[in-house]
Amino acid sequence: MENSQNQSDPAPKVTGIGGIFFFLENPKETKEWYAKNLGLEINEWGSASFESRNLDNPEQIESTQWCPFKKGDEYFSPSRKEFMVNYRVQNIEALLEKLKANGVTILDDIETYEYGKFVHIMDTEGNKIELWEPVY
């Protein structure tokens, strides 16, 4: 499989939005409402996936996840915000080194799964950010 990097520009950077996660009082009921009224297809992980093609590589399909969480879910910790954004990135290892050099708060180590690599950081406003380098 190809990696997510644009071979002509392997700079460590964000390449798009990978997901939007937010708190709800009743995620099950709200997911059902979105499915019934707006046609969102909720997958086995409890999210909806919006697919698109990479403009620089039209054969590459990318996705953006929409996923509500039960209010108070610890996945957003240590942030106290009602949402979290997942950014698709390229060259996650080099990006993490750049962030460390810039004094950015890194919350964990890079974790690798069959669908990509993840790491979490905090911005200056206390928002937890998920960085994801997908496997294509």
Protein backbone atom coordinates (compact mmCIF):
# COMPACT_ATOMS: atom_id res chain seq x y z
CA MET A 1 0.00 0.00 0.00
CA GLU A 2 1.07 3.55 -0.59
CA ASN A 3 1.83 5.84 2.32
CA SER A 4 0.07 9.14 2.78
CA GLN A 5 3.04 11.29 1.90
CA ASN A 6 3.18 13.33 -1.27
CA GLN A 7 6.52 12.07 -2.58
CA SER A 8 7.42 15.50 -3.97
CA ASP A 9 6.82 17.14 -0.58
CA PRO A 10 7.47 14.82 2.38
CA ALA A 11 7.46 17.70 4.88
CA PRO A 12 5.94 16.81 8.24
CA LYS A 13 2.56 18.55 8.23
CA VAL A 14 -1.22 18.29 8.41
CA THR A 15 -2.79 17.18 5.12
CA GLY A 16 -6.48 17.27 6.06
CA ILE A 17 -9.15 16.63 8.66
CA GLY A 18 -9.31 12.99 9.69
CA GLY A 19 -12.19 13.23 12.10
CA ILE A 20 -14.46 15.33 14.24
CA PHE A 21 -15.30 13.96 17.68
CA PHE A 22 -17.67 15.57 20.17
CA PHE A 23 -19.62 14.92 23.35
CA LEU A 24 -23.34 14.25 23.52
CA GLU A 25 -25.67 13.50 26.41
CA ASN A 26 -27.21 10.56 24.56
CA PRO A 27 -24.97 9.42 21.67
CA LYS A 28 -27.07 6.33 20.78
CA GLU A 29 -30.28 8.32 20.36
CA THR A 30 -28.50 11.14 18.51
CA LYS A 31 -26.74 8.72 16.11
CA GLU A 32 -30.14 7.20 15.35
CA TRP A 33 -31.54 10.69 14.70
CA TYR A 34 -28.69 11.48 12.27
CA ALA A 35 -29.19 8.16 10.49
CA LYS A 36 -32.97 8.59 10.20
CA ASN A 37 -33.05 12.28 9.31
CA LEU A 38 -29.76 12.99 7.53
CA GLY A 39 -28.90 9.57 6.14
CA LEU A 40 -25.62 9.08 7.99
CA GLU A 41 -24.60 5.44 7.91
CA ILE A 42 -23.24 4.56 11.34
CA ASN A 43 -20.48 1.94 11.14
CA GLU A 44 -19.45 -0.78 13.60
CA TRP A 45 -17.27 1.71 15.54
CA GLY A 46 -20.20 4.06 16.11
CA SER A 47 -19.05 6.69 13.63
CA ALA A 48 -19.90 7.76 10.11
CA SER A 49 -17.20 7.84 7.45
CA PHE A 50 -17.08 10.39 4.64
CA GLU A 51 -14.82 9.32 1.78
CA SER A 52 -13.10 11.53 -0.77
CA ARG A 53 -10.20 11.33 -3.21
CA ASN A 54 -6.81 12.94 -2.81
CA LEU A 55 -6.45 15.69 -5.46
CA ASP A 56 -2.73 14.98 -5.91
CA ASN A 57 -3.33 11.23 -6.16
CA PRO A 58 -6.91 10.52 -7.34
CA GLU A 59 -6.49 6.76 -6.84
CA GLN A 60 -6.05 7.38 -3.10
CA ILE A 61 -9.28 7.35 -1.10
CA GLU A 62 -9.26 9.34 2.14
CA SER A 63 -11.86 9.42 4.87
CA THR A 64 -13.12 11.79 7.52
CA GLN A 65 -14.75 10.29 10.60
CA TRP A 66 -17.74 11.82 12.41
CA CYS A 67 -18.08 10.33 15.86
CA PRO A 68 -20.06 11.41 18.92
CA PHE A 69 -18.91 10.24 22.36
CA LYS A 70 -20.85 10.02 25.63
CA LYS A 71 -20.33 13.27 27.54
CA GLY A 72 -17.39 12.89 29.92
CA ASP A 73 -15.67 10.07 27.99
CA GLU A 74 -12.03 9.89 29.09
CA TYR A 75 -10.79 9.64 25.49
CA PHE A 76 -10.72 13.47 25.39
CA SER A 77 -8.67 13.74 28.62
CA PRO A 78 -6.85 15.76 29.75
CA SER A 79 -8.82 18.28 27.69
CA ARG A 80 -12.03 19.60 29.25
CA LYS A 81 -13.42 20.68 25.88
CA GLU A 82 -16.58 19.32 24.25
CA PHE A 83 -14.81 18.30 21.03
CA MET A 84 -11.60 16.93 19.57
CA VAL A 85 -10.30 17.21 16.01
CA ASN A 86 -8.28 14.47 14.33
CA TYR A 87 -5.88 15.76 11.68
CA ARG A 88 -4.48 13.58 8.88
CA VAL A 89 -0.73 14.10 8.73
CA GLN A 90 2.25 12.95 6.73
CA ASN A 91 5.62 11.98 8.18
CA ILE A 92 4.30 11.69 11.74
CA GLU A 93 7.69 10.81 13.27
CA ALA A 94 9.36 13.97 11.90
CA LEU A 95 6.31 16.04 12.83
CA LEU A 96 6.51 14.77 16.41
CA GLU A 97 10.19 15.75 16.60
CA LYS A 98 9.32 19.23 15.30
CA LEU A 99 6.52 19.57 17.88
CA LYS A 100 8.85 18.48 20.70
CA ALA A 101 11.46 21.02 19.57
CA ASN A 102 8.76 23.72 19.61
CA GLY A 103 7.76 22.85 23.19
CA VAL A 104 4.35 21.40 22.28
CA THR A 105 2.78 19.17 24.96
CA ILE A 106 2.92 15.58 23.70
CA LEU A 107 0.47 13.32 25.56
CA ASP A 108 1.60 9.87 24.47
CA ASP A 109 3.89 7.88 22.19
CA ILE A 110 3.06 7.10 18.58
CA GLU A 111 0.82 4.02 18.44
CA THR A 112 0.63 1.93 15.27
CA TYR A 113 -2.45 0.06 14.06
CA GLU A 114 -3.28 -1.64 10.77
CA TYR A 115 -5.01 1.58 9.61
CA GLY A 116 -2.27 4.04 10.63
CA LYS A 117 -0.22 5.74 13.30
CA PHE A 118 -1.63 8.00 16.04
CA VAL A 119 -0.31 10.44 18.64
CA HIS A 120 -2.07 13.04 20.81
CA ILE A 121 -0.97 16.59 21.61
CA MET A 122 -2.42 19.67 23.31
CA ASP A 123 -2.69 23.12 21.78
CA THR A 124 -2.23 26.38 23.70
CA GLU A 125 -5.98 26.59 24.49
CA GLY A 126 -6.14 23.15 26.13
CA ASN A 127 -7.65 21.33 23.16
CA LYS A 128 -6.57 17.72 22.77
CA ILE A 129 -5.61 17.03 19.16
CA GLU A 130 -5.30 13.61 17.57
CA LEU A 131 -2.74 13.27 14.78
CA TRP A 132 -3.21 10.37 12.37
CA GLU A 133 -0.95 9.16 9.59
CA PRO A 134 -3.22 6.78 7.66
CA VAL A 135 -2.13 3.68 5.78
CA TYR A 136 -3.39 3.76 2.21
